[in-house]
Structure formats: structure tokens, C-alpha cells
C-alpha atoms as a PDB file:
ATOM      1  CA  MET A   1      45.530 112.405  88.189  1.00  0.00           C
ATOM      2  CA  ALA A   2      42.751 111.654  90.649  1.00  0.00           C
ATOM      3  CA  LEU A   3      40.429 111.183  87.673  1.00  0.00           C
ATOM      4  CA  THR A   4      42.917 108.745  86.166  1.00  0.00           C
ATOM      5  CA  GLY A   5      43.198 106.772  89.396  1.00  0.00           C
ATOM      6  CA  THR A   6      39.454 106.613  89.893  1.00  0.00           C
ATOM      7  CA  SER A   7      38.735 105.452  86.361  1.00  0.00           C
ATOM      8  CA  SER A   8      41.517 102.854  86.594  1.00  0.00           C
ATOM      9  CA  LEU A   9      39.980 101.395  89.741  1.00  0.00           C
ATOM     10  CA  ALA A  10      36.474 101.483  88.234  1.00  0.00           C
ATOM     11  CA  VAL A  11      37.514  98.981  85.562  1.00  0.00           C
ATOM     12  CA  ILE A  12      38.405  96.237  88.057  1.00  0.00           C
ATOM     13  CA  PRO A  13      34.905  95.052  89.075  1.00  0.00           C
ATOM     14  CA  SER A  14      33.334  95.731  85.669  1.00  0.00           C
ATOM     15  CA  ARG A  15      32.571  93.028  83.109  1.00  0.00           C
ATOM     16  CA  SER A  16      31.093  95.443  80.573  1.00  0.00           C
ATOM     17  CA  GLU A  17      33.348  95.990  77.578  1.00  0.00           C
ATOM     18  CA  TRP A  18      31.970  99.432  76.701  1.00  0.00           C
ATOM     19  CA  PHE A  19      32.402 100.606  80.314  1.00  0.00           C
ATOM     20  CA  ASN A  20      36.030  99.465  80.277  1.00  0.00           C
ATOM     21  CA  VAL A  21      36.673 101.385  77.055  1.00  0.00           C
ATOM     22  CA  VAL A  22      35.047 104.532  78.470  1.00  0.00           C
ATOM     23  CA  CYS A  23      37.114 104.274  81.665  1.00  0.00           C
ATOM     24  CA  ALA A  24      40.290 103.723  79.642  1.00  0.00           C
ATOM     25  CA  LEU A  25      39.544 106.851  77.595  1.00  0.00           C
ATOM     26  CA  ILE A  26      38.885 108.842  80.763  1.00  0.00           C
ATOM     27  CA  SER A  27      42.203 107.623  82.160  1.00  0.00           C
ATOM     28  CA  LYS A  28      43.987 108.642  78.972  1.00  0.00           C
ATOM     29  CA  PHE A  29      42.320 112.065  79.165  1.00  0.00           C
ATOM     30  CA  GLY A  30      43.486 112.500  82.759  1.00  0.00           C
ATOM     31  CA  VAL A  31      47.080 111.521  82.006  1.00  0.00           C
ATOM     32  CA  THR A  32      47.241 113.772  78.942  1.00  0.00           C
ATOM     33  CA  SER A  33      45.788 116.679  80.896  1.00  0.00           C
ATOM     34  CA  ALA A  34      48.292 116.179  83.707  1.00  0.00           C
ATOM     35  CA  TRP A  35      51.170 116.084  81.213  1.00  0.00           C
ATOM     36  CA  ASN A  36      50.024 119.390  79.695  1.00  0.00           C
ATOM     37  CA  VAL A  37      49.610 120.982  83.119  1.00  0.00           C
ATOM     38  CA  MET A  38      53.122 119.836  84.032  1.00  0.00           C
ATOM     39  CA  ALA A  39      54.464 121.471  80.883  1.00  0.00           C
ATOM     40  CA  ILE A  40      52.965 124.812  81.944  1.00  0.00           C
ATOM     41  CA  MET A  41      53.294 124.627  85.716  1.00  0.00           C
ATOM     42  CA  GLY A  42      56.840 123.286  85.694  1.00  0.00           C
ATOM     43  CA  HIS A  43      58.184 126.414  84.035  1.00  0.00           C
ATOM     44  CA  GLU A  44      56.674 128.523  86.797  1.00  0.00           C
ATOM     45  CA  LEU A  45      58.249 126.507  89.603  1.00  0.00           C
ATOM     46  CA  TYR A  46      61.889 126.542  88.537  1.00  0.00           C
ATOM     47  CA  PRO A  47      64.027 129.683  88.783  1.00  0.00           C
ATOM     48  CA  THR A  48      65.259 131.132  85.511  1.00  0.00           C
ATOM     49  CA  VAL A  49      68.822 129.852  85.887  1.00  0.00           C
ATOM     50  CA  LEU A  50      67.613 126.253  86.371  1.00  0.00           C
ATOM     51  CA  ARG A  51      64.452 126.227  84.278  1.00  0.00           C
ATOM     52  CA  HIS A  52      65.744 124.261  81.297  1.00  0.00           C
ATOM     53  CA  ARG A  53      67.612 121.738  83.403  1.00  0.00           C
ATOM     54  CA  GLY A  54      64.665 121.269  85.736  1.00  0.00           C
ATOM     55  CA  MET A  55      62.174 120.782  82.936  1.00  0.00           C
ATOM     56  CA  GLY A  56      64.591 118.453  81.174  1.00  0.00           C
ATOM     57  CA  ALA A  57      64.808 116.334  84.308  1.00  0.00           C
ATOM     58  CA  ALA A  58      61.001 116.389  84.646  1.00  0.00           C
ATOM     59  CA  TYR A  59      60.565 115.220  81.061  1.00  0.00           C
ATOM     60  CA  VAL A  60      63.136 112.443  81.527  1.00  0.00           C
ATOM     61  CA  VAL A  61      61.300 111.164  84.599  1.00  0.00           C
ATOM     62  CA  GLY A  62      58.012 111.461  82.702  1.00  0.00           C
ATOM     63  CA  ARG A  63      59.381 109.382  79.843  1.00  0.00           C
ATOM     64  CA  ILE A  64      60.272 106.548  82.216  1.00  0.00           C
ATOM     65  CA  GLY A  65      56.564 105.714  82.243  1.00  0.00           C
ATOM     66  CA  ALA A  66      56.550 105.589  78.456  1.00  0.00           C
ATOM     67  CA  ILE A  67      59.549 103.255  78.549  1.00  0.00           C
ATOM     68  CA  CYS A  68      57.810 100.971  81.068  1.00  0.00           C
ATOM     69  CA  GLY A  69      54.515 100.962  79.153  1.00  0.00           C
ATOM     70  CA  PRO A  70      55.247  98.053  76.791  1.00  0.00           C
ATOM     71  CA  PHE A  71      56.339  95.878  79.719  1.00  0.00           C
ATOM     72  CA  MET A  72      52.934  96.216  81.398  1.00  0.00           C
ATOM     73  CA  LYS A  73      51.564  93.581  79.007  1.00  0.00           C
ATOM     74  CA  ASN A  74      54.092  91.104  80.411  1.00  0.00           C
ATOM     75  CA  LEU A  75      53.083  92.073  83.941  1.00  0.00           C
ATOM     76  CA  THR A  76      49.425  91.593  83.004  1.00  0.00           C
ATOM     77  CA  THR A  77      50.006  88.089  81.685  1.00  0.00           C
ATOM     78  CA  ALA A  78      52.098  87.127  84.716  1.00  0.00           C
ATOM     79  CA  TYR A  79      50.003  88.647  87.520  1.00  0.00           C
ATOM     80  CA  GLY A  80      46.712  89.708  85.961  1.00  0.00           C
ATOM     81  CA  LEU A  81      45.146  92.975  84.925  1.00  0.00           C
ATOM     82  CA  VAL A  82      44.088  93.880  88.464  1.00  0.00           C
ATOM     83  CA  VAL A  83      47.705  94.277  89.619  1.00  0.00           C
ATOM     84  CA  VAL A  84      48.512  96.652  86.764  1.00  0.00           C
ATOM     85  CA  LEU A  85      45.364  98.721  87.283  1.00  0.00           C
ATOM     86  CA  VAL A  86      45.951  98.999  91.032  1.00  0.00           C
ATOM     87  CA  MET A  87      49.541 100.066  90.345  1.00  0.00           C
ATOM     88  CA  TYR A  88      48.386 102.721  87.847  1.00  0.00           C
ATOM     89  CA  ALA A  89      45.702 103.939  90.234  1.00  0.00           C
ATOM     90  CA  SER A  90      47.989 104.119  93.252  1.00  0.00           C
ATOM     91  CA  LEU A  91      50.676 106.042  91.342  1.00  0.00           C
ATOM     92  CA  SER A  92      48.013 108.400  90.016  1.00  0.00           C
ATOM     93  CA  PHE A  93      46.620 109.041  93.497  1.00  0.00           C
ATOM     94  CA  ILE A  94      50.122 109.638  94.875  1.00  0.00           C
ATOM     95  CA  ALA A  95      50.755 112.171  92.103  1.00  0.00           C
ATOM     96  CA  ALA A  96      47.429 113.884  92.815  1.00  0.00           C
ATOM     97  CA  ILE A  97      48.211 114.167  96.519  1.00  0.00           C
ATOM     98  CA  LEU A  98      51.713 115.498  95.847  1.00  0.00           C
ATOM     99  CA  ALA A  99      50.274 118.076  93.450  1.00  0.00           C
ATOM    100  CA  LEU A 100      48.275 119.526  96.334  1.00  0.00           C
ATOM    101  CA  PHE A 101      51.542 120.585  97.956  1.00  0.00           C
ATOM    102  CA  MET A 102      52.734 122.645  94.998  1.00  0.00           C
ATOM    103  CA  PRO A 103      52.940 126.368  95.762  1.00  0.00           C
ATOM    104  CA  GLU A 104      50.451 128.811  94.261  1.00  0.00           C
ATOM    105  CA  THR A 105      51.982 130.775  91.369  1.00  0.00           C
ATOM    106  CA  LYS A 106      49.048 132.947  90.327  1.00  0.00           C
ATOM    107  CA  GLY A 107      49.951 136.596  90.742  1.00  0.00           C
ATOM    108  CA  GLN A 108      53.444 135.678  91.945  1.00  0.00           C
ATOM    109  CA  GLU A 109      56.642 136.772  90.289  1.00  0.00           C
ATOM    110  CA  ILE A 110      58.644 133.905  88.836  1.00  0.00           C
ATOM    111  CA  PRO A 111      61.980 133.531  90.671  1.00  0.00           C
ATOM    112  CA  ASP A 112      65.090 134.447  88.669  1.00  0.00           C
ATOM    113  CA  THR A 113      67.793 133.091  90.967  1.00  0.00           C
ATOM    114  CA  ILE A 114      68.238 130.050  93.161  1.00  0.00           C
ATOM    115  CA  GLU A 115      68.108 132.252  96.268  1.00  0.00           C
ATOM    116  CA  GLU A 116      64.716 133.639  95.237  1.00  0.00           C
ATOM    117  CA  ALA A 117      63.443 130.096  94.628  1.00  0.00           C
ATOM    118  CA  GLU A 118      64.668 129.024  98.065  1.00  0.00           C
ATOM    119  CA  HIS A 119      62.849 132.011  99.562  1.00  0.00           C
ATOM    120  CA  VAL A 120      59.616 130.993  97.797  1.00  0.00           C
ATOM    121  CA  ILE A 121      59.976 127.438  99.078  1.00  0.00           C
ATOM    122  CA  LEU A 122      60.641 128.599 102.634  1.00  0.00           C
ATOM    123  CA  GLU A 123      57.587 130.886 102.512  1.00  0.00           C
ATOM    124  CA  PHE A 124      55.487 127.974 101.293  1.00  0.00           C
ATOM    125  CA  ILE A 125      56.762 125.686 104.074  1.00  0.00           C
ATOM    126  CA  LEU A 126      56.103 128.371 106.691  1.00  0.00           C
ATOM    127  CA  LEU A 127      52.583 128.952 105.344  1.00  0.00           C
ATOM    128  CA  PHE A 128      51.957 125.192 105.353  1.00  0.00           C
ATOM    129  CA  GLU A 129      53.120 124.898 108.970  1.00  0.00           C
ATOM    130  CA  ILE A 130      50.946 127.825 110.066  1.00  0.00           C
ATOM    131  CA  ASN A 131      47.860 126.367 108.342  1.00  0.00           C
ATOM    132  CA  ARG A 132      48.520 122.962 109.876  1.00  0.00           C
ATOM    133  CA  MET A 133      48.369 124.318 113.441  1.00  0.00           C
END
């Protein structure tokens, strides 16, 4: 997502058409990669009893961007391309920063119950507080 945000911001000062196309392709690569990572990582974060509901909710929220996509052309004509690119970049950077707070799942057992998931979250919060001090 940081790659997507950076390439979206790089388009703003550029007047070169080929550079804009390359940055747009890099942005598309970053978004597609993040979507695929979410499809894998999301299953590891939810406990077994909530996994399908949680991933369903994640996909619904992810599809809101696809629903809003066609309306970005109207926003571009009304306010200019810079506003849309800054909005894309800022949302991408926010997503990248929030992804840093996801707990590590490598070598960890996937929680089966809600109580186990709460325990994992509390351990993560405690570890975060200890590292912050």
C-alpha cells in the first residue's frame, strides 16, 4: 500500500505521459498485491468460529472501493486529478500504517474460539505497550 501511495503522489508533478502510465501500473500492482495479501492474512487473524463472517465483512468493505471507482471520474472533472490522487495516496498510506499494527502469525497457532482470539489480541497489545516504553 505504501508503494501505491508513493506512485500515486509521483504522478502529480509529472507531465510525462509514459511516466504517468508506469506509475499507474505500479499503483495497480500495489493494490492487487495488497488484496491478495488480505485474502491470505485475513484468514489467519479471525478465529475459526468467525472466519467466514469476518472475511465476508472484509470483502464487503473492500468492494466499497470498487463501487466508488466509477464516481472518481466525476470527482476528477469537478475538482481535478490532484484531489483524487491525493485521496488515493492518503488512503493507501493509512492502510500501510495500520498494517504495521497487525499481529505476527508466523509460527503461531490459529485461534479456534473467540476467547483464544481475545487472548491473542491482549498479548499483542501488551507486547506493543512494552515495546513502546
